[in-house]
N, C-alpha and C. Protein backbone atom coordinates (compact mmCIF):
# COMPACT_ATOMS: atom_id res chain seq x y z
N MET A 1 4.29 -25.98 106.12
CA MET A 1 4.46 -25.68 107.53
C MET A 1 4.53 -24.16 107.69
N GLY A 2 3.71 -23.64 108.58
CA GLY A 2 3.67 -22.20 108.81
C GLY A 2 4.91 -21.71 109.53
N GLU A 3 5.06 -20.39 109.59
CA GLU A 3 6.25 -19.78 110.21
C GLU A 3 6.38 -20.15 111.69
N LYS A 4 5.27 -20.09 112.42
CA LYS A 4 5.30 -20.41 113.84
C LYS A 4 5.64 -21.88 114.07
N SER A 5 5.07 -22.72 113.24
CA SER A 5 5.33 -24.16 113.32
C SER A 5 6.79 -24.47 112.99
N ALA A 6 7.34 -23.79 111.99
CA ALA A 6 8.74 -23.98 111.62
C ALA A 6 9.66 -23.53 112.75
N GLN A 7 9.31 -22.44 113.41
CA GLN A 7 10.11 -21.94 114.54
C GLN A 7 10.08 -22.93 115.70
N LYS A 8 8.91 -23.50 115.96
CA LYS A 8 8.77 -24.48 117.05
C LYS A 8 9.61 -25.72 116.75
N LYS A 9 9.56 -26.18 115.51
CA LYS A 9 10.34 -27.35 115.11
C LYS A 9 11.84 -27.06 115.27
N GLN A 10 12.25 -25.88 114.86
CA GLN A 10 13.67 -25.50 114.99
C GLN A 10 14.07 -25.42 116.45
N TYR A 11 13.20 -24.90 117.29
CA TYR A 11 13.47 -24.83 118.73
C TYR A 11 13.66 -26.24 119.30
N ILE A 12 12.80 -27.15 118.89
CA ILE A 12 12.92 -28.54 119.36
C ILE A 12 14.27 -29.13 118.91
N LEU A 13 14.64 -28.92 117.67
CA LEU A 13 15.91 -29.45 117.16
C LEU A 13 17.10 -28.84 117.91
N ASP A 14 17.07 -27.53 118.12
CA ASP A 14 18.17 -26.87 118.83
C ASP A 14 18.28 -27.36 120.27
N THR A 15 17.15 -27.53 120.93
CA THR A 15 17.15 -27.99 122.32
C THR A 15 17.56 -29.46 122.40
N ALA A 16 17.03 -30.27 121.50
CA ALA A 16 17.37 -31.70 121.48
C ALA A 16 18.86 -31.89 121.20
N ARG A 17 19.43 -31.04 120.38
CA ARG A 17 20.86 -31.13 120.09
C ARG A 17 21.66 -31.05 121.39
N LYS A 18 21.29 -30.11 122.26
CA LYS A 18 21.97 -29.95 123.55
C LYS A 18 21.84 -31.23 124.40
N VAL A 19 20.68 -31.85 124.34
CA VAL A 19 20.45 -33.08 125.10
C VAL A 19 21.35 -34.19 124.55
N PHE A 20 21.44 -34.32 123.22
CA PHE A 20 22.29 -35.34 122.60
C PHE A 20 23.78 -35.08 122.90
N VAL A 21 24.19 -33.82 122.91
CA VAL A 21 25.57 -33.48 123.24
C VAL A 21 25.88 -33.93 124.67
N GLU A 22 24.95 -33.68 125.56
CA GLU A 22 25.15 -34.00 126.97
C GLU A 22 25.09 -35.50 127.27
N LYS A 23 24.13 -36.21 126.65
CA LYS A 23 23.85 -37.59 127.02
C LYS A 23 24.22 -38.64 125.98
N GLY A 24 24.67 -38.21 124.79
CA GLY A 24 24.89 -39.18 123.72
C GLY A 24 23.57 -39.50 123.05
N PHE A 25 23.49 -40.65 122.38
CA PHE A 25 22.23 -41.03 121.74
C PHE A 25 21.48 -42.08 122.55
N LYS A 26 22.18 -43.12 122.97
CA LYS A 26 21.49 -44.28 123.57
C LYS A 26 20.79 -43.95 124.88
N ASN A 27 21.20 -42.92 125.57
CA ASN A 27 20.58 -42.58 126.86
C ASN A 27 19.49 -41.51 126.75
N VAL A 28 19.19 -41.06 125.55
CA VAL A 28 18.19 -40.00 125.37
C VAL A 28 16.84 -40.62 125.04
N THR A 29 15.82 -40.16 125.76
CA THR A 29 14.45 -40.59 125.49
C THR A 29 13.63 -39.39 125.00
N MET A 30 12.48 -39.70 124.46
CA MET A 30 11.59 -38.61 124.05
C MET A 30 11.19 -37.79 125.28
N LYS A 31 11.08 -38.44 126.44
CA LYS A 31 10.74 -37.73 127.68
C LYS A 31 11.82 -36.69 128.01
N ASP A 32 13.10 -37.05 127.80
CA ASP A 32 14.19 -36.10 128.04
C ASP A 32 14.02 -34.85 127.18
N ILE A 33 13.65 -35.06 125.94
CA ILE A 33 13.50 -33.93 125.00
C ILE A 33 12.28 -33.11 125.37
N VAL A 34 11.18 -33.78 125.75
CA VAL A 34 9.97 -33.06 126.20
C VAL A 34 10.32 -32.16 127.37
N GLU A 35 11.04 -32.72 128.35
CA GLU A 35 11.39 -31.94 129.54
C GLU A 35 12.34 -30.79 129.21
N ALA A 36 13.32 -31.04 128.35
CA ALA A 36 14.26 -29.98 127.99
C ALA A 36 13.57 -28.85 127.23
N CYS A 37 12.61 -29.22 126.38
CA CYS A 37 11.90 -28.21 125.58
C CYS A 37 10.76 -27.55 126.35
N GLU A 38 10.40 -28.18 127.49
CA GLU A 38 9.27 -27.70 128.28
C GLU A 38 8.00 -27.61 127.44
N ILE A 39 7.74 -28.71 126.71
CA ILE A 39 6.53 -28.81 125.90
C ILE A 39 5.83 -30.11 126.28
N SER A 40 4.61 -30.27 125.80
CA SER A 40 3.87 -31.50 126.07
C SER A 40 4.41 -32.62 125.17
N ARG A 41 4.15 -33.84 125.61
CA ARG A 41 4.55 -35.00 124.82
C ARG A 41 3.89 -34.95 123.44
N GLY A 42 2.61 -34.60 123.43
CA GLY A 42 1.87 -34.47 122.17
C GLY A 42 2.47 -33.40 121.27
N GLY A 43 2.94 -32.31 121.90
CA GLY A 43 3.57 -31.23 121.14
C GLY A 43 4.83 -31.71 120.42
N LEU A 44 5.59 -32.57 121.08
CA LEU A 44 6.79 -33.12 120.45
C LEU A 44 6.43 -34.09 119.33
N TYR A 45 5.45 -34.95 119.60
CA TYR A 45 5.06 -35.95 118.60
C TYR A 45 4.35 -35.35 117.38
N LEU A 46 3.94 -34.11 117.46
CA LEU A 46 3.41 -33.43 116.26
C LEU A 46 4.52 -33.29 115.20
N TYR A 47 5.75 -33.19 115.66
CA TYR A 47 6.88 -32.94 114.76
C TYR A 47 7.76 -34.17 114.53
N PHE A 48 7.91 -35.00 115.56
CA PHE A 48 8.86 -36.11 115.47
C PHE A 48 8.28 -37.37 116.10
N ASP A 49 8.64 -38.51 115.52
CA ASP A 49 8.16 -39.80 116.01
C ASP A 49 9.14 -40.49 116.96
N SER A 50 10.43 -40.09 116.89
CA SER A 50 11.44 -40.82 117.67
C SER A 50 12.69 -39.97 117.87
N THR A 51 13.50 -40.39 118.82
CA THR A 51 14.80 -39.72 119.02
C THR A 51 15.67 -39.92 117.79
N GLU A 52 15.54 -41.07 117.15
CA GLU A 52 16.30 -41.33 115.92
C GLU A 52 15.98 -40.30 114.85
N GLN A 53 14.70 -40.05 114.64
CA GLN A 53 14.28 -39.08 113.63
C GLN A 53 14.83 -37.69 113.97
N ILE A 54 14.80 -37.33 115.23
CA ILE A 54 15.30 -36.02 115.65
C ILE A 54 16.80 -35.92 115.39
N LEU A 55 17.56 -36.93 115.82
CA LEU A 55 19.01 -36.89 115.62
C LEU A 55 19.37 -36.81 114.14
N LEU A 56 18.72 -37.61 113.31
CA LEU A 56 19.03 -37.60 111.89
C LEU A 56 18.72 -36.24 111.25
N GLU A 57 17.65 -35.62 111.69
CA GLU A 57 17.32 -34.29 111.16
C GLU A 57 18.36 -33.25 111.61
N ILE A 58 18.81 -33.37 112.85
CA ILE A 58 19.86 -32.47 113.35
C ILE A 58 21.12 -32.64 112.52
N LEU A 59 21.49 -33.88 112.24
CA LEU A 59 22.70 -34.14 111.45
C LEU A 59 22.59 -33.60 110.04
N GLN A 60 21.43 -33.75 109.42
CA GLN A 60 21.23 -33.19 108.08
C GLN A 60 21.32 -31.67 108.10
N MET A 61 20.72 -31.07 109.10
CA MET A 61 20.73 -29.62 109.25
C MET A 61 22.18 -29.13 109.42
N GLU A 62 22.95 -29.81 110.27
CA GLU A 62 24.33 -29.40 110.51
C GLU A 62 25.22 -29.60 109.30
N ALA A 63 24.99 -30.67 108.55
CA ALA A 63 25.76 -30.90 107.33
C ALA A 63 25.53 -29.76 106.34
N GLN A 64 24.28 -29.33 106.22
CA GLN A 64 23.96 -28.23 105.32
C GLN A 64 24.59 -26.92 105.79
N GLU A 65 24.54 -26.67 107.10
CA GLU A 65 25.14 -25.45 107.66
C GLU A 65 26.65 -25.44 107.44
N THR A 66 27.30 -26.59 107.61
CA THR A 66 28.75 -26.69 107.39
C THR A 66 29.08 -26.39 105.95
N ASP A 67 28.30 -26.97 105.03
CA ASP A 67 28.52 -26.70 103.60
C ASP A 67 28.37 -25.22 103.30
N ASP A 68 27.33 -24.60 103.88
CA ASP A 68 27.08 -23.18 103.63
C ASP A 68 28.22 -22.31 104.16
N VAL A 69 28.68 -22.59 105.38
CA VAL A 69 29.77 -21.81 105.97
C VAL A 69 31.02 -21.94 105.13
N PHE A 70 31.32 -23.15 104.70
CA PHE A 70 32.52 -23.41 103.91
C PHE A 70 32.45 -22.68 102.56
N THR A 71 31.34 -22.84 101.85
CA THR A 71 31.25 -22.25 100.51
C THR A 71 31.18 -20.73 100.54
N GLU A 72 30.62 -20.14 101.58
CA GLU A 72 30.55 -18.67 101.60
C GLU A 72 31.90 -18.02 101.87
N HIS A 73 32.88 -18.80 102.33
CA HIS A 73 34.23 -18.27 102.56
C HIS A 73 35.16 -18.46 101.36
N ILE A 74 34.67 -19.06 100.30
CA ILE A 74 35.50 -19.32 99.12
C ILE A 74 35.20 -18.25 98.08
N SER A 75 36.27 -17.68 97.55
CA SER A 75 36.10 -16.67 96.50
C SER A 75 36.71 -17.20 95.20
N GLU A 76 36.43 -16.50 94.12
CA GLU A 76 36.95 -16.88 92.79
C GLU A 76 38.47 -16.88 92.76
N GLU A 77 39.09 -16.03 93.55
CA GLU A 77 40.55 -15.89 93.53
C GLU A 77 41.27 -16.96 94.35
N ASP A 78 40.55 -17.68 95.19
CA ASP A 78 41.18 -18.67 96.04
C ASP A 78 41.78 -19.82 95.23
N THR A 79 42.98 -20.20 95.61
CA THR A 79 43.65 -21.32 94.96
C THR A 79 43.21 -22.62 95.62
N ALA A 80 43.57 -23.74 95.02
CA ALA A 80 43.26 -25.04 95.60
C ALA A 80 43.88 -25.16 97.00
N ALA A 81 45.10 -24.66 97.16
CA ALA A 81 45.77 -24.70 98.47
C ALA A 81 45.02 -23.84 99.49
N ASP A 82 44.52 -22.68 99.06
CA ASP A 82 43.73 -21.82 99.95
C ASP A 82 42.47 -22.55 100.42
N ILE A 83 41.80 -23.19 99.49
CA ILE A 83 40.54 -23.88 99.81
C ILE A 83 40.81 -25.08 100.73
N LEU A 84 41.87 -25.84 100.44
CA LEU A 84 42.20 -26.97 101.30
C LEU A 84 42.56 -26.49 102.70
N THR A 85 43.30 -25.40 102.79
CA THR A 85 43.65 -24.83 104.09
C THR A 85 42.40 -24.43 104.86
N LEU A 86 41.46 -23.78 104.19
CA LEU A 86 40.19 -23.39 104.82
C LEU A 86 39.44 -24.63 105.31
N PHE A 87 39.37 -25.65 104.48
CA PHE A 87 38.70 -26.89 104.86
C PHE A 87 39.33 -27.49 106.12
N LEU A 88 40.65 -27.55 106.13
CA LEU A 88 41.36 -28.14 107.27
C LEU A 88 41.20 -27.29 108.53
N LYS A 89 41.14 -25.96 108.37
CA LYS A 89 40.91 -25.09 109.53
C LYS A 89 39.53 -25.34 110.14
N GLU A 90 38.53 -25.54 109.27
CA GLU A 90 37.17 -25.83 109.76
C GLU A 90 37.16 -27.17 110.50
N GLN A 91 37.88 -28.15 109.97
CA GLN A 91 37.97 -29.45 110.64
C GLN A 91 38.65 -29.31 112.00
N LYS A 92 39.69 -28.50 112.05
CA LYS A 92 40.41 -28.28 113.31
C LYS A 92 39.47 -27.68 114.36
N LYS A 93 38.68 -26.69 113.96
CA LYS A 93 37.72 -26.09 114.90
C LYS A 93 36.79 -27.14 115.48
N GLU A 94 36.28 -27.99 114.61
CA GLU A 94 35.36 -29.04 115.04
C GLU A 94 36.06 -30.02 115.99
N LEU A 95 37.29 -30.39 115.67
CA LEU A 95 38.03 -31.34 116.50
C LEU A 95 38.31 -30.80 117.90
N LEU A 96 38.59 -29.52 118.01
CA LEU A 96 38.97 -28.93 119.28
C LEU A 96 37.77 -28.49 120.13
N HIS A 97 36.58 -28.49 119.57
CA HIS A 97 35.38 -28.12 120.33
C HIS A 97 34.68 -29.39 120.81
N LYS A 98 35.35 -30.12 121.65
CA LYS A 98 34.86 -31.40 122.17
C LYS A 98 33.57 -31.23 122.98
N LYS A 99 33.45 -30.14 123.67
CA LYS A 99 32.33 -29.95 124.60
C LYS A 99 30.98 -29.79 123.91
N ASN A 100 30.96 -29.31 122.68
CA ASN A 100 29.68 -28.98 122.06
C ASN A 100 29.47 -29.73 120.75
N ASN A 101 29.94 -30.98 120.68
CA ASN A 101 29.71 -31.68 119.43
C ASN A 101 28.96 -32.98 119.64
N LEU A 102 28.49 -33.52 118.55
CA LEU A 102 27.61 -34.69 118.57
C LEU A 102 28.33 -35.99 118.27
N THR A 103 29.65 -36.00 118.30
CA THR A 103 30.41 -37.18 117.90
C THR A 103 29.97 -38.43 118.66
N VAL A 104 29.86 -38.36 119.97
CA VAL A 104 29.48 -39.53 120.76
C VAL A 104 28.08 -40.00 120.36
N ALA A 105 27.14 -39.09 120.26
CA ALA A 105 25.77 -39.45 119.88
C ALA A 105 25.74 -40.09 118.49
N VAL A 106 26.50 -39.54 117.57
CA VAL A 106 26.52 -40.06 116.20
C VAL A 106 27.05 -41.49 116.18
N TYR A 107 28.18 -41.70 116.84
CA TYR A 107 28.74 -43.05 116.84
C TYR A 107 27.85 -44.03 117.59
N GLU A 108 27.26 -43.62 118.69
CA GLU A 108 26.33 -44.51 119.40
C GLU A 108 25.17 -44.90 118.48
N TYR A 109 24.64 -43.92 117.78
CA TYR A 109 23.52 -44.20 116.87
C TYR A 109 23.94 -45.19 115.79
N PHE A 110 25.05 -44.93 115.12
CA PHE A 110 25.44 -45.79 114.00
C PHE A 110 25.96 -47.15 114.44
N PHE A 111 26.48 -47.27 115.66
CA PHE A 111 26.86 -48.59 116.17
C PHE A 111 25.61 -49.41 116.48
N ALA A 112 24.55 -48.76 116.91
CA ALA A 112 23.33 -49.45 117.31
C ALA A 112 22.38 -49.76 116.15
N HIS A 113 22.54 -49.08 115.02
CA HIS A 113 21.60 -49.24 113.91
C HIS A 113 22.31 -49.79 112.68
N GLU A 114 21.89 -50.97 112.30
CA GLU A 114 22.40 -51.54 111.05
C GLU A 114 21.88 -50.68 109.91
N SER A 115 22.77 -50.34 109.03
CA SER A 115 22.31 -49.59 107.86
C SER A 115 23.18 -49.96 106.67
N THR A 116 22.56 -49.93 105.54
CA THR A 116 23.29 -50.22 104.32
C THR A 116 24.12 -49.00 103.95
N ASP A 117 25.10 -49.20 103.10
CA ASP A 117 25.89 -48.06 102.65
C ASP A 117 25.01 -46.99 102.02
N LYS A 118 23.92 -47.43 101.40
CA LYS A 118 23.03 -46.51 100.70
C LYS A 118 22.34 -45.53 101.66
N ASN A 119 21.91 -46.01 102.84
CA ASN A 119 21.18 -45.13 103.75
C ASN A 119 22.00 -44.72 104.97
N ASN A 120 23.31 -44.95 104.94
CA ASN A 120 24.16 -44.57 106.06
C ASN A 120 24.68 -43.15 105.84
N MET A 121 24.16 -42.23 106.65
CA MET A 121 24.51 -40.82 106.49
C MET A 121 26.01 -40.59 106.69
N LEU A 122 26.61 -41.27 107.65
CA LEU A 122 28.05 -41.11 107.88
C LEU A 122 28.84 -41.52 106.65
N ARG A 123 28.45 -42.64 106.05
CA ARG A 123 29.14 -43.13 104.84
C ARG A 123 28.98 -42.12 103.70
N ARG A 124 27.76 -41.62 103.54
CA ARG A 124 27.52 -40.64 102.46
C ARG A 124 28.35 -39.37 102.68
N GLN A 125 28.43 -38.90 103.94
CA GLN A 125 29.22 -37.70 104.22
C GLN A 125 30.70 -37.96 103.99
N PHE A 126 31.17 -39.13 104.40
CA PHE A 126 32.57 -39.50 104.19
C PHE A 126 32.88 -39.54 102.69
N ASP A 127 32.03 -40.23 101.93
CA ASP A 127 32.24 -40.34 100.48
C ASP A 127 32.17 -38.98 99.79
N ALA A 128 31.25 -38.13 100.25
CA ALA A 128 31.15 -36.78 99.67
C ALA A 128 32.42 -35.99 99.97
N GLY A 129 32.95 -36.13 101.19
CA GLY A 129 34.21 -35.47 101.55
C GLY A 129 35.35 -35.95 100.67
N VAL A 130 35.41 -37.25 100.41
CA VAL A 130 36.45 -37.79 99.53
C VAL A 130 36.32 -37.18 98.13
N ARG A 131 35.10 -37.12 97.61
CA ARG A 131 34.89 -36.57 96.25
C ARG A 131 35.33 -35.10 96.18
N VAL A 132 34.95 -34.32 97.19
CA VAL A 132 35.31 -32.89 97.19
C VAL A 132 36.83 -32.74 97.28
N LEU A 133 37.46 -33.48 98.18
CA LEU A 133 38.92 -33.38 98.32
C LEU A 133 39.64 -33.88 97.08
N GLU A 134 39.14 -34.96 96.49
CA GLU A 134 39.76 -35.48 95.26
C GLU A 134 39.73 -34.42 94.16
N LYS A 135 38.58 -33.77 93.99
CA LYS A 135 38.45 -32.72 92.96
C LYS A 135 39.39 -31.56 93.28
N LEU A 136 39.46 -31.19 94.53
CA LEU A 136 40.34 -30.10 94.96
C LEU A 136 41.80 -30.45 94.68
N ILE A 137 42.19 -31.67 94.98
CA ILE A 137 43.57 -32.11 94.72
C ILE A 137 43.84 -32.12 93.22
N GLN A 138 42.89 -32.60 92.44
CA GLN A 138 43.05 -32.60 90.98
C GLN A 138 43.21 -31.17 90.46
N ASP A 139 42.41 -30.24 90.99
CA ASP A 139 42.54 -28.83 90.58
C ASP A 139 43.91 -28.29 90.97
N GLY A 140 44.39 -28.65 92.15
CA GLY A 140 45.72 -28.22 92.59
C GLY A 140 46.84 -28.80 91.74
N ILE A 141 46.67 -30.02 91.29
CA ILE A 141 47.65 -30.63 90.38
C ILE A 141 47.65 -29.88 89.05
N ALA A 142 46.47 -29.61 88.53
CA ALA A 142 46.34 -28.91 87.25
C ALA A 142 46.95 -27.51 87.30
N SER A 143 46.85 -26.83 88.46
CA SER A 143 47.39 -25.47 88.58
C SER A 143 48.87 -25.47 88.98
N GLY A 144 49.42 -26.65 89.26
CA GLY A 144 50.83 -26.74 89.65
C GLY A 144 51.08 -26.52 91.13
N GLU A 145 50.04 -26.40 91.93
CA GLU A 145 50.19 -26.20 93.38
C GLU A 145 50.50 -27.50 94.11
N PHE A 146 49.88 -28.60 93.66
CA PHE A 146 50.00 -29.89 94.32
C PHE A 146 50.70 -30.89 93.43
N TYR A 147 51.33 -31.84 94.08
CA TYR A 147 51.84 -33.01 93.38
C TYR A 147 51.24 -34.22 94.08
N CYS A 148 50.59 -35.07 93.30
CA CYS A 148 49.97 -36.26 93.87
C CYS A 148 49.71 -37.25 92.73
N GLU A 149 50.18 -38.47 92.90
CA GLU A 149 49.97 -39.48 91.87
C GLU A 149 48.61 -40.16 92.00
N ASP A 150 47.99 -40.09 93.16
CA ASP A 150 46.72 -40.76 93.40
C ASP A 150 45.78 -39.83 94.18
N PRO A 151 45.12 -38.89 93.48
CA PRO A 151 44.25 -37.94 94.18
C PRO A 151 43.14 -38.60 95.01
N LYS A 152 42.53 -39.66 94.50
CA LYS A 152 41.46 -40.31 95.26
C LYS A 152 42.03 -40.98 96.51
N GLY A 153 43.18 -41.62 96.38
CA GLY A 153 43.81 -42.26 97.54
C GLY A 153 44.20 -41.23 98.59
N ALA A 154 44.74 -40.09 98.13
CA ALA A 154 45.12 -39.03 99.07
C ALA A 154 43.89 -38.46 99.76
N ALA A 155 42.81 -38.24 99.00
CA ALA A 155 41.58 -37.70 99.58
C ALA A 155 40.99 -38.67 100.60
N THR A 156 41.00 -39.95 100.28
CA THR A 156 40.49 -40.96 101.21
C THR A 156 41.34 -40.97 102.48
N ASN A 157 42.66 -40.89 102.32
CA ASN A 157 43.55 -40.88 103.47
C ASN A 157 43.29 -39.67 104.37
N ILE A 158 43.09 -38.51 103.78
CA ILE A 158 42.80 -37.30 104.56
C ILE A 158 41.52 -37.51 105.38
N MET A 159 40.49 -38.08 104.75
CA MET A 159 39.23 -38.29 105.47
C MET A 159 39.41 -39.29 106.60
N TYR A 160 40.22 -40.34 106.38
CA TYR A 160 40.47 -41.31 107.46
C TYR A 160 41.25 -40.66 108.61
N VAL A 161 42.21 -39.82 108.29
CA VAL A 161 42.97 -39.12 109.34
C VAL A 161 42.02 -38.24 110.16
N LEU A 162 41.16 -37.49 109.48
CA LEU A 162 40.22 -36.61 110.19
C LEU A 162 39.25 -37.41 111.05
N GLU A 163 38.75 -38.52 110.51
CA GLU A 163 37.82 -39.36 111.27
C GLU A 163 38.51 -39.95 112.49
N GLY A 164 39.74 -40.40 112.32
CA GLY A 164 40.51 -40.94 113.44
C GLY A 164 40.74 -39.90 114.53
N MET A 165 41.02 -38.67 114.11
CA MET A 165 41.23 -37.61 115.10
C MET A 165 39.93 -37.30 115.85
N LYS A 166 38.77 -37.42 115.18
CA LYS A 166 37.49 -37.21 115.87
C LYS A 166 37.32 -38.22 116.99
N ILE A 167 37.64 -39.47 116.69
CA ILE A 167 37.51 -40.51 117.71
C ILE A 167 38.51 -40.27 118.84
N ASN A 168 39.75 -39.94 118.50
CA ASN A 168 40.76 -39.64 119.52
C ASN A 168 40.32 -38.49 120.41
N ALA A 169 39.75 -37.46 119.82
CA ALA A 169 39.31 -36.30 120.60
C ALA A 169 38.29 -36.70 121.66
N GLN A 170 37.47 -37.69 121.36
CA GLN A 170 36.43 -38.12 122.29
C GLN A 170 36.89 -39.19 123.27
N THR A 171 37.93 -39.94 122.92
CA THR A 171 38.33 -41.05 123.77
C THR A 171 39.48 -40.69 124.70
N PHE A 172 40.64 -40.36 124.15
CA PHE A 172 41.76 -40.03 125.04
C PHE A 172 42.25 -38.62 124.87
N GLY A 173 41.54 -37.83 124.12
CA GLY A 173 41.85 -36.41 124.00
C GLY A 173 42.81 -36.10 122.87
N ILE A 174 42.75 -34.87 122.46
CA ILE A 174 43.61 -34.41 121.38
C ILE A 174 43.94 -32.95 121.66
N THR A 175 45.18 -32.58 121.41
CA THR A 175 45.60 -31.20 121.65
C THR A 175 45.68 -30.45 120.32
N GLU A 176 45.73 -29.15 120.42
CA GLU A 176 45.88 -28.33 119.22
C GLU A 176 47.18 -28.69 118.50
N LYS A 177 48.24 -28.93 119.27
CA LYS A 177 49.52 -29.31 118.67
C LYS A 177 49.40 -30.61 117.87
N MET A 178 48.70 -31.59 118.42
CA MET A 178 48.51 -32.86 117.72
C MET A 178 47.75 -32.66 116.41
N VAL A 179 46.70 -31.85 116.46
CA VAL A 179 45.91 -31.57 115.25
C VAL A 179 46.78 -30.85 114.23
N ASP A 180 47.50 -29.82 114.67
CA ASP A 180 48.35 -29.04 113.76
C ASP A 180 49.39 -29.93 113.08
N GLU A 181 49.99 -30.85 113.84
CA GLU A 181 51.00 -31.74 113.26
C GLU A 181 50.41 -32.59 112.13
N GLN A 182 49.22 -33.12 112.35
CA GLN A 182 48.60 -33.96 111.33
C GLN A 182 48.18 -33.14 110.10
N LEU A 183 47.65 -31.95 110.34
CA LEU A 183 47.22 -31.10 109.22
C LEU A 183 48.43 -30.62 108.42
N LEU A 184 49.52 -30.31 109.11
CA LEU A 184 50.75 -29.92 108.42
C LEU A 184 51.28 -31.07 107.58
N TYR A 185 51.22 -32.27 108.12
CA TYR A 185 51.67 -33.45 107.39
C TYR A 185 50.85 -33.64 106.11
N ILE A 186 49.53 -33.43 106.20
CA ILE A 186 48.66 -33.52 105.02
C ILE A 186 49.10 -32.50 103.97
N MET A 187 49.28 -31.25 104.39
CA MET A 187 49.66 -30.19 103.43
C MET A 187 51.04 -30.45 102.83
N GLN A 188 51.99 -30.87 103.66
CA GLN A 188 53.33 -31.12 103.15
C GLN A 188 53.35 -32.26 102.14
N GLY A 189 52.43 -33.17 102.27
CA GLY A 189 52.35 -34.29 101.33
C GLY A 189 51.83 -33.90 99.96
N LEU A 190 51.24 -32.71 99.86
CA LEU A 190 50.66 -32.27 98.60
C LEU A 190 51.33 -31.07 97.96
N ILE A 191 51.81 -30.14 98.76
CA ILE A 191 52.32 -28.86 98.25
C ILE A 191 53.62 -29.08 97.46
N VAL A 192 53.66 -28.48 96.30
CA VAL A 192 54.85 -28.53 95.46
C VAL A 192 55.85 -27.49 95.96
N GLU A 193 57.07 -27.92 96.22
CA GLU A 193 58.13 -27.00 96.67
C GLU A 193 58.56 -26.12 95.49
N VAL A 194 58.62 -24.84 95.73
CA VAL A 194 59.08 -23.90 94.70
C VAL A 194 60.54 -23.59 94.97
N ASP A 195 61.39 -23.82 93.96
CA ASP A 195 62.83 -23.55 94.12
C ASP A 195 63.19 -22.14 93.83
């Protein structure tokens, strides 16, 4: 794909993202994206076959960007507690930015589409989050920063808490205080008290 073509595809993804944020997934048509991008129908179909394909590509792109942002803020000197704190701060930002996120579109898509665990992007991201947190907790235990008898169970619990807060943020709202209380509870459950 040439440079101009890659730019056009990125423009379509960026514009379509705004449409999905505004309308969710189930109410978005290819016509909506054509109109938002101000391109021809044929111009859109050169790059994408469906709204599903567009949404999935946006989600993959955002997952990669999140990984990049997270890893570029980690240095060799950072402790497991520092890294966990950074991770939780990034989650907090996402939770509190209700206006510009794809949570509704993502859940609409996955409720409407049967998928096996193997091809379910949400499941893969959840499981990857558990693996990263489990390794982080194990590293914190090894360095004496954390105490935890079941690192995988704790990591899974953290991911469930975060996922639940995402749903709460979209349904009945969530405040910064509510998020802070849950994140503090997570940290207090792991940090070793120094006497």
